[in-house]
Amino acid sequence: MSKVTEIVEYLTEAQVMYMSTIDGHQPKVRPIGFIMEFEGSAYFTTGKGGPIHKELHANPHFEVATMHPTKPFHRIRFSGKAVFDASTEAFEKYFEKNPNLRGVEGIDLYRVDEWKATIYEGHQDRRTIEQ
């Protein structure tokens, strides 16, 4: 299993992730629920013109965190840089996973570059995976 696959599977199992962005000097945290792997990268989505979209264009660095849904004290922090991707191929993969959203306008996809993940396995054990 690739490093990206491991991270995407972990975050997908969690179902709800919490994304932190920066709005000026103020951190903002919001729940998000979608991640996919495409061409060896992790991808997230956001609505064009929304707060996350604006914040990532102003400062592309972000972090996502969540708890594992079935393993007590297991959690992950995943940080990186958002790189927006308007390619037809990336959107086809997204709509393959979300067919009910085909035709909906205002969706933007971004891949994660320069990423680092720290996976905590219990109270003290942790490991770091980097791109």
N, C-alpha and C. Protein backbone atom coordinates (compact mmCIF):
# COMPACT_ATOMS: atom_id res chain seq x y z
N MET A 1 0.85 -1.18 0.00
CA MET A 1 0.00 0.00 0.00
C MET A 1 0.89 1.24 0.00
N SER A 2 0.55 2.21 -0.85
CA SER A 2 1.34 3.44 -0.90
C SER A 2 1.06 4.31 0.32
N LYS A 3 1.94 5.28 0.54
CA LYS A 3 1.76 6.21 1.66
C LYS A 3 0.45 6.97 1.52
N VAL A 4 0.17 7.47 0.32
CA VAL A 4 -1.05 8.25 0.10
C VAL A 4 -2.28 7.37 0.29
N THR A 5 -2.24 6.15 -0.20
CA THR A 5 -3.37 5.23 -0.03
C THR A 5 -3.66 5.00 1.44
N GLU A 6 -2.63 4.80 2.24
CA GLU A 6 -2.82 4.60 3.67
C GLU A 6 -3.52 5.80 4.31
N ILE A 7 -3.09 7.00 3.96
CA ILE A 7 -3.69 8.21 4.53
C ILE A 7 -5.13 8.38 4.07
N VAL A 8 -5.37 8.22 2.77
CA VAL A 8 -6.73 8.39 2.23
C VAL A 8 -7.67 7.35 2.84
N GLU A 9 -7.23 6.11 2.97
CA GLU A 9 -8.09 5.08 3.58
C GLU A 9 -8.40 5.42 5.04
N TYR A 10 -7.42 5.88 5.78
CA TYR A 10 -7.63 6.25 7.18
C TYR A 10 -8.66 7.37 7.29
N LEU A 11 -8.46 8.42 6.50
CA LEU A 11 -9.38 9.57 6.55
C LEU A 11 -10.77 9.20 6.04
N THR A 12 -10.84 8.33 5.05
CA THR A 12 -12.14 7.89 4.53
C THR A 12 -12.90 7.10 5.59
N GLU A 13 -12.21 6.23 6.30
CA GLU A 13 -12.85 5.46 7.38
C GLU A 13 -13.44 6.37 8.44
N ALA A 14 -12.77 7.47 8.72
CA ALA A 14 -13.22 8.39 9.76
C ALA A 14 -14.54 9.06 9.39
N GLN A 15 -14.78 9.26 8.12
CA GLN A 15 -15.98 9.89 7.57
C GLN A 15 -16.03 11.39 7.82
N VAL A 16 -15.75 11.86 9.01
CA VAL A 16 -15.74 13.29 9.30
C VAL A 16 -14.33 13.70 9.70
N MET A 17 -13.82 14.69 8.99
CA MET A 17 -12.50 15.23 9.27
C MET A 17 -12.69 16.70 9.66
N TYR A 18 -11.71 17.26 10.32
CA TYR A 18 -11.77 18.67 10.69
C TYR A 18 -10.59 19.38 10.04
N MET A 19 -10.91 20.35 9.18
CA MET A 19 -9.90 21.08 8.43
C MET A 19 -9.66 22.44 9.05
N SER A 20 -8.39 22.76 9.19
CA SER A 20 -7.98 24.06 9.72
C SER A 20 -7.34 24.86 8.59
N THR A 21 -7.84 26.09 8.41
CA THR A 21 -7.28 27.03 7.46
C THR A 21 -7.01 28.33 8.23
N ILE A 22 -6.47 29.30 7.52
CA ILE A 22 -6.20 30.60 8.14
C ILE A 22 -6.99 31.67 7.38
N ASP A 23 -7.73 32.48 8.12
CA ASP A 23 -8.45 33.63 7.56
C ASP A 23 -7.78 34.88 8.12
N GLY A 24 -6.84 35.43 7.35
CA GLY A 24 -6.04 36.55 7.86
C GLY A 24 -5.11 36.03 8.94
N HIS A 25 -5.38 36.43 10.18
CA HIS A 25 -4.59 35.93 11.32
C HIS A 25 -5.40 34.99 12.19
N GLN A 26 -6.63 34.68 11.78
CA GLN A 26 -7.53 33.88 12.60
C GLN A 26 -7.63 32.45 12.06
N PRO A 27 -7.30 31.45 12.87
CA PRO A 27 -7.51 30.07 12.41
C PRO A 27 -9.00 29.76 12.34
N LYS A 28 -9.37 28.93 11.36
CA LYS A 28 -10.76 28.49 11.19
C LYS A 28 -10.75 26.98 11.07
N VAL A 29 -11.66 26.31 11.76
CA VAL A 29 -11.76 24.86 11.70
C VAL A 29 -13.18 24.50 11.30
N ARG A 30 -13.30 23.58 10.33
CA ARG A 30 -14.61 23.16 9.85
C ARG A 30 -14.63 21.66 9.59
N PRO A 31 -15.77 21.02 9.78
CA PRO A 31 -15.87 19.61 9.43
C PRO A 31 -15.96 19.47 7.91
N ILE A 32 -15.29 18.46 7.38
CA ILE A 32 -15.39 18.11 5.96
C ILE A 32 -15.58 16.60 5.88
N GLY A 33 -16.00 16.11 4.73
CA GLY A 33 -16.30 14.69 4.66
C GLY A 33 -15.86 13.98 3.40
N PHE A 34 -15.04 14.61 2.56
CA PHE A 34 -14.65 13.94 1.32
C PHE A 34 -13.16 14.04 1.10
N ILE A 35 -12.58 12.90 0.73
CA ILE A 35 -11.19 12.81 0.28
C ILE A 35 -11.14 11.68 -0.73
N MET A 36 -10.28 11.83 -1.73
CA MET A 36 -10.07 10.75 -2.70
C MET A 36 -8.61 10.72 -3.09
N GLU A 37 -8.22 9.60 -3.67
CA GLU A 37 -6.88 9.46 -4.22
C GLU A 37 -7.00 9.49 -5.73
N PHE A 38 -6.14 10.27 -6.36
CA PHE A 38 -6.12 10.35 -7.81
C PHE A 38 -4.69 10.58 -8.27
N GLU A 39 -4.23 9.71 -9.15
CA GLU A 39 -2.88 9.80 -9.70
C GLU A 39 -1.81 9.96 -8.63
N GLY A 40 -1.94 9.20 -7.54
CA GLY A 40 -0.93 9.19 -6.49
C GLY A 40 -0.97 10.35 -5.52
N SER A 41 -2.04 11.16 -5.58
CA SER A 41 -2.17 12.29 -4.67
C SER A 41 -3.50 12.22 -3.94
N ALA A 42 -3.54 12.83 -2.77
CA ALA A 42 -4.80 12.99 -2.03
C ALA A 42 -5.48 14.25 -2.55
N TYR A 43 -6.80 14.17 -2.71
CA TYR A 43 -7.60 15.30 -3.20
C TYR A 43 -8.75 15.59 -2.25
N PHE A 44 -9.03 16.86 -2.06
CA PHE A 44 -10.20 17.33 -1.33
C PHE A 44 -11.02 18.19 -2.28
N THR A 45 -12.21 18.54 -1.86
CA THR A 45 -13.07 19.41 -2.64
C THR A 45 -13.61 20.54 -1.78
N THR A 46 -13.96 21.63 -2.43
CA THR A 46 -14.58 22.75 -1.74
C THR A 46 -15.46 23.49 -2.73
N GLY A 47 -16.35 24.30 -2.22
CA GLY A 47 -17.22 25.10 -3.09
C GLY A 47 -16.50 26.37 -3.53
N LYS A 48 -16.58 26.66 -4.81
CA LYS A 48 -15.96 27.89 -5.33
C LYS A 48 -16.61 29.09 -4.66
N GLY A 49 -15.77 30.00 -4.23
CA GLY A 49 -16.27 31.24 -3.63
C GLY A 49 -16.60 31.14 -2.15
N GLY A 50 -16.59 29.93 -1.59
CA GLY A 50 -16.86 29.77 -0.17
C GLY A 50 -15.66 30.14 0.68
N PRO A 51 -15.84 30.17 2.00
CA PRO A 51 -14.74 30.57 2.89
C PRO A 51 -13.49 29.71 2.76
N ILE A 52 -13.63 28.39 2.71
CA ILE A 52 -12.44 27.54 2.59
C ILE A 52 -11.71 27.85 1.28
N HIS A 53 -12.46 27.97 0.21
CA HIS A 53 -11.89 28.27 -1.11
C HIS A 53 -11.09 29.57 -1.07
N LYS A 54 -11.68 30.61 -0.50
CA LYS A 54 -11.01 31.91 -0.41
C LYS A 54 -9.76 31.84 0.46
N GLU A 55 -9.87 31.15 1.59
CA GLU A 55 -8.74 31.06 2.52
C GLU A 55 -7.58 30.27 1.91
N LEU A 56 -7.89 29.18 1.19
CA LEU A 56 -6.83 28.39 0.58
C LEU A 56 -6.16 29.12 -0.59
N HIS A 57 -6.90 30.00 -1.25
CA HIS A 57 -6.27 30.80 -2.31
C HIS A 57 -5.36 31.86 -1.70
N ALA A 58 -5.73 32.39 -0.55
CA ALA A 58 -4.90 33.40 0.13
C ALA A 58 -3.69 32.76 0.81
N ASN A 59 -3.88 31.58 1.40
CA ASN A 59 -2.81 30.85 2.08
C ASN A 59 -3.11 29.37 1.88
N PRO A 60 -2.39 28.69 0.99
CA PRO A 60 -2.74 27.31 0.64
C PRO A 60 -2.39 26.25 1.69
N HIS A 61 -1.79 26.63 2.79
CA HIS A 61 -1.40 25.65 3.81
C HIS A 61 -2.58 25.36 4.73
N PHE A 62 -2.78 24.08 5.04
CA PHE A 62 -3.90 23.66 5.87
C PHE A 62 -3.53 22.41 6.64
N GLU A 63 -4.40 22.02 7.56
CA GLU A 63 -4.23 20.77 8.28
C GLU A 63 -5.60 20.14 8.49
N VAL A 64 -5.63 18.82 8.41
CA VAL A 64 -6.83 18.03 8.66
C VAL A 64 -6.52 17.09 9.82
N ALA A 65 -7.49 16.92 10.72
CA ALA A 65 -7.31 16.00 11.84
C ALA A 65 -8.60 15.23 12.06
N THR A 66 -8.46 14.02 12.56
CA THR A 66 -9.64 13.22 12.90
C THR A 66 -9.23 12.08 13.82
N MET A 67 -10.23 11.49 14.44
CA MET A 67 -10.03 10.30 15.28
C MET A 67 -10.45 9.08 14.46
N HIS A 68 -9.79 7.96 14.71
CA HIS A 68 -10.21 6.71 14.06
C HIS A 68 -11.56 6.30 14.64
N PRO A 69 -12.50 5.86 13.82
CA PRO A 69 -13.85 5.58 14.32
C PRO A 69 -13.98 4.34 15.22
N THR A 70 -13.02 3.42 15.16
CA THR A 70 -13.18 2.20 15.95
C THR A 70 -12.00 1.87 16.87
N LYS A 71 -10.90 2.56 16.74
CA LYS A 71 -9.71 2.29 17.54
C LYS A 71 -9.51 3.41 18.55
N PRO A 72 -9.71 3.15 19.82
CA PRO A 72 -9.56 4.21 20.83
C PRO A 72 -8.16 4.83 20.80
N PHE A 73 -8.13 6.14 20.91
CA PHE A 73 -6.90 6.94 20.98
C PHE A 73 -6.07 6.91 19.70
N HIS A 74 -6.64 6.43 18.61
CA HIS A 74 -5.96 6.47 17.32
C HIS A 74 -6.46 7.68 16.56
N ARG A 75 -5.53 8.46 16.04
CA ARG A 75 -5.91 9.69 15.34
C ARG A 75 -4.83 10.04 14.33
N ILE A 76 -5.16 11.01 13.47
CA ILE A 76 -4.23 11.42 12.43
C ILE A 76 -4.27 12.93 12.27
N ARG A 77 -3.13 13.51 11.97
CA ARG A 77 -3.00 14.91 11.56
C ARG A 77 -2.33 14.88 10.19
N PHE A 78 -2.93 15.56 9.23
CA PHE A 78 -2.46 15.55 7.85
C PHE A 78 -2.38 16.99 7.37
N SER A 79 -1.17 17.47 7.10
CA SER A 79 -1.00 18.85 6.68
C SER A 79 -0.36 18.90 5.31
N GLY A 80 -0.58 20.00 4.63
CA GLY A 80 0.02 20.16 3.32
C GLY A 80 -0.36 21.47 2.67
N LYS A 81 -0.14 21.52 1.39
CA LYS A 81 -0.39 22.72 0.59
C LYS A 81 -1.42 22.37 -0.48
N ALA A 82 -2.50 23.16 -0.56
CA ALA A 82 -3.55 22.95 -1.55
C ALA A 82 -3.10 23.47 -2.90
N VAL A 83 -3.22 22.61 -3.92
CA VAL A 83 -2.94 22.99 -5.30
C VAL A 83 -4.20 22.69 -6.10
N PHE A 84 -4.89 23.73 -6.53
CA PHE A 84 -6.17 23.55 -7.23
C PHE A 84 -5.95 22.89 -8.58
N ASP A 85 -6.85 21.99 -8.94
CA ASP A 85 -6.74 21.18 -10.15
C ASP A 85 -8.08 21.19 -10.88
N ALA A 86 -8.13 21.85 -12.01
CA ALA A 86 -9.36 21.94 -12.79
C ALA A 86 -9.37 20.95 -13.96
N SER A 87 -8.49 19.96 -13.92
CA SER A 87 -8.38 19.02 -15.04
C SER A 87 -9.64 18.17 -15.17
N THR A 88 -9.97 17.86 -16.40
CA THR A 88 -11.13 17.01 -16.69
C THR A 88 -10.96 15.65 -16.02
N GLU A 89 -9.75 15.11 -16.02
CA GLU A 89 -9.50 13.79 -15.45
C GLU A 89 -9.78 13.76 -13.95
N ALA A 90 -9.35 14.79 -13.24
CA ALA A 90 -9.60 14.84 -11.78
C ALA A 90 -11.10 14.94 -11.51
N PHE A 91 -11.80 15.75 -12.29
CA PHE A 91 -13.24 15.88 -12.08
C PHE A 91 -13.99 14.60 -12.45
N GLU A 92 -13.53 13.90 -13.48
CA GLU A 92 -14.17 12.62 -13.83
C GLU A 92 -14.05 11.63 -12.68
N LYS A 93 -12.88 11.59 -12.06
CA LYS A 93 -12.69 10.70 -10.90
C LYS A 93 -13.62 11.12 -9.76
N TYR A 94 -13.73 12.43 -9.51
CA TYR A 94 -14.61 12.94 -8.46
C TYR A 94 -16.06 12.55 -8.73
N PHE A 95 -16.52 12.75 -9.97
CA PHE A 95 -17.92 12.43 -10.30
C PHE A 95 -18.17 10.93 -10.34
N GLU A 96 -17.13 10.15 -10.60
CA GLU A 96 -17.25 8.70 -10.50
C GLU A 96 -17.58 8.30 -9.06
N LYS A 97 -16.99 8.99 -8.11
CA LYS A 97 -17.23 8.72 -6.69
C LYS A 97 -18.49 9.41 -6.17
N ASN A 98 -18.93 10.46 -6.86
CA ASN A 98 -20.10 11.25 -6.45
C ASN A 98 -21.02 11.49 -7.65
N PRO A 99 -21.62 10.44 -8.21
CA PRO A 99 -22.40 10.60 -9.44
C PRO A 99 -23.58 11.56 -9.30
N ASN A 100 -24.14 11.69 -8.11
CA ASN A 100 -25.27 12.59 -7.92
C ASN A 100 -24.89 14.06 -8.04
N LEU A 101 -23.59 14.36 -8.00
CA LEU A 101 -23.14 15.74 -8.09
C LEU A 101 -22.74 16.15 -9.51
N ARG A 102 -22.80 15.19 -10.43
CA ARG A 102 -22.47 15.51 -11.82
C ARG A 102 -23.44 16.60 -12.30
N GLY A 103 -22.89 17.63 -12.87
CA GLY A 103 -23.72 18.74 -13.35
C GLY A 103 -23.87 19.87 -12.36
N VAL A 104 -23.49 19.63 -11.11
CA VAL A 104 -23.54 20.70 -10.11
C VAL A 104 -22.37 21.64 -10.37
N GLU A 105 -22.65 22.92 -10.42
CA GLU A 105 -21.60 23.90 -10.65
C GLU A 105 -21.05 24.42 -9.33
N GLY A 106 -19.87 25.01 -9.40
CA GLY A 106 -19.30 25.62 -8.21
C GLY A 106 -18.44 24.70 -7.37
N ILE A 107 -18.03 23.56 -7.92
CA ILE A 107 -17.17 22.63 -7.19
C ILE A 107 -15.73 22.86 -7.63
N ASP A 108 -14.81 22.85 -6.70
CA ASP A 108 -13.39 22.96 -7.01
C ASP A 108 -12.66 21.82 -6.31
N LEU A 109 -11.68 21.27 -6.98
CA LEU A 109 -10.86 20.19 -6.43
C LEU A 109 -9.44 20.70 -6.19
N TYR A 110 -8.82 20.18 -5.15
CA TYR A 110 -7.41 20.49 -4.93
C TYR A 110 -6.69 19.27 -4.40
N ARG A 111 -5.47 19.11 -4.91
CA ARG A 111 -4.62 18.02 -4.43
C ARG A 111 -3.74 18.56 -3.32
N VAL A 112 -3.17 17.64 -2.57
CA VAL A 112 -2.31 18.01 -1.45
C VAL A 112 -0.86 17.77 -1.83
N ASP A 113 -0.08 18.83 -1.83
CA ASP A 113 1.35 18.75 -2.09
C ASP A 113 2.09 19.07 -0.79
N GLU A 114 3.38 18.73 -0.77
CA GLU A 114 4.24 19.03 0.38
C GLU A 114 3.60 18.56 1.69
N TRP A 115 3.08 17.34 1.68
CA TRP A 115 2.29 16.88 2.83
C TRP A 115 3.11 16.10 3.85
N LYS A 116 2.51 16.05 5.02
CA LYS A 116 3.08 15.29 6.15
C LYS A 116 1.90 14.77 6.97
N ALA A 117 1.98 13.53 7.36
CA ALA A 117 0.94 12.93 8.21
C ALA A 117 1.58 12.36 9.46
N THR A 118 0.95 12.61 10.58
CA THR A 118 1.36 11.98 11.83
C THR A 118 0.19 11.14 12.29
N ILE A 119 0.44 9.85 12.44
CA ILE A 119 -0.59 8.90 12.88
C ILE A 119 -0.25 8.48 14.30
N TYR A 120 -1.19 8.72 15.18
CA TYR A 120 -1.05 8.37 16.59
C TYR A 120 -1.79 7.06 16.81
N GLU A 121 -1.08 6.08 17.36
CA GLU A 121 -1.64 4.75 17.57
C GLU A 121 -1.62 4.45 19.07
N GLY A 122 -2.62 4.94 19.76
CA GLY A 122 -2.67 4.80 21.21
C GLY A 122 -2.19 6.06 21.89
N HIS A 123 -1.88 5.94 23.16
CA HIS A 123 -1.50 7.11 23.96
C HIS A 123 -0.15 7.69 23.58
N GLN A 124 0.82 6.85 23.26
CA GLN A 124 2.18 7.36 23.09
C GLN A 124 2.81 7.02 21.74
N ASP A 125 2.33 6.00 21.08
CA ASP A 125 2.97 5.58 19.81
C ASP A 125 2.51 6.46 18.67
N ARG A 126 3.47 6.94 17.91
CA ARG A 126 3.15 7.75 16.73
C ARG A 126 4.19 7.49 15.66
N ARG A 127 3.76 7.72 14.43
CA ARG A 127 4.68 7.63 13.31
C ARG A 127 4.36 8.72 12.32
N THR A 128 5.37 9.18 11.64
CA THR A 128 5.22 10.27 10.69
C THR A 128 5.51 9.75 9.29
N ILE A 129 4.67 10.16 8.36
CA ILE A 129 4.82 9.80 6.95
C ILE A 129 4.90 11.12 6.19
N GLU A 130 5.88 11.24 5.32
CA GLU A 130 6.02 12.47 4.53
C GLU A 130 6.09 12.15 3.05
N GLN A 131 5.70 13.13 2.26
CA GLN A 131 5.72 12.98 0.82
C GLN A 131 7.14 12.84 0.34
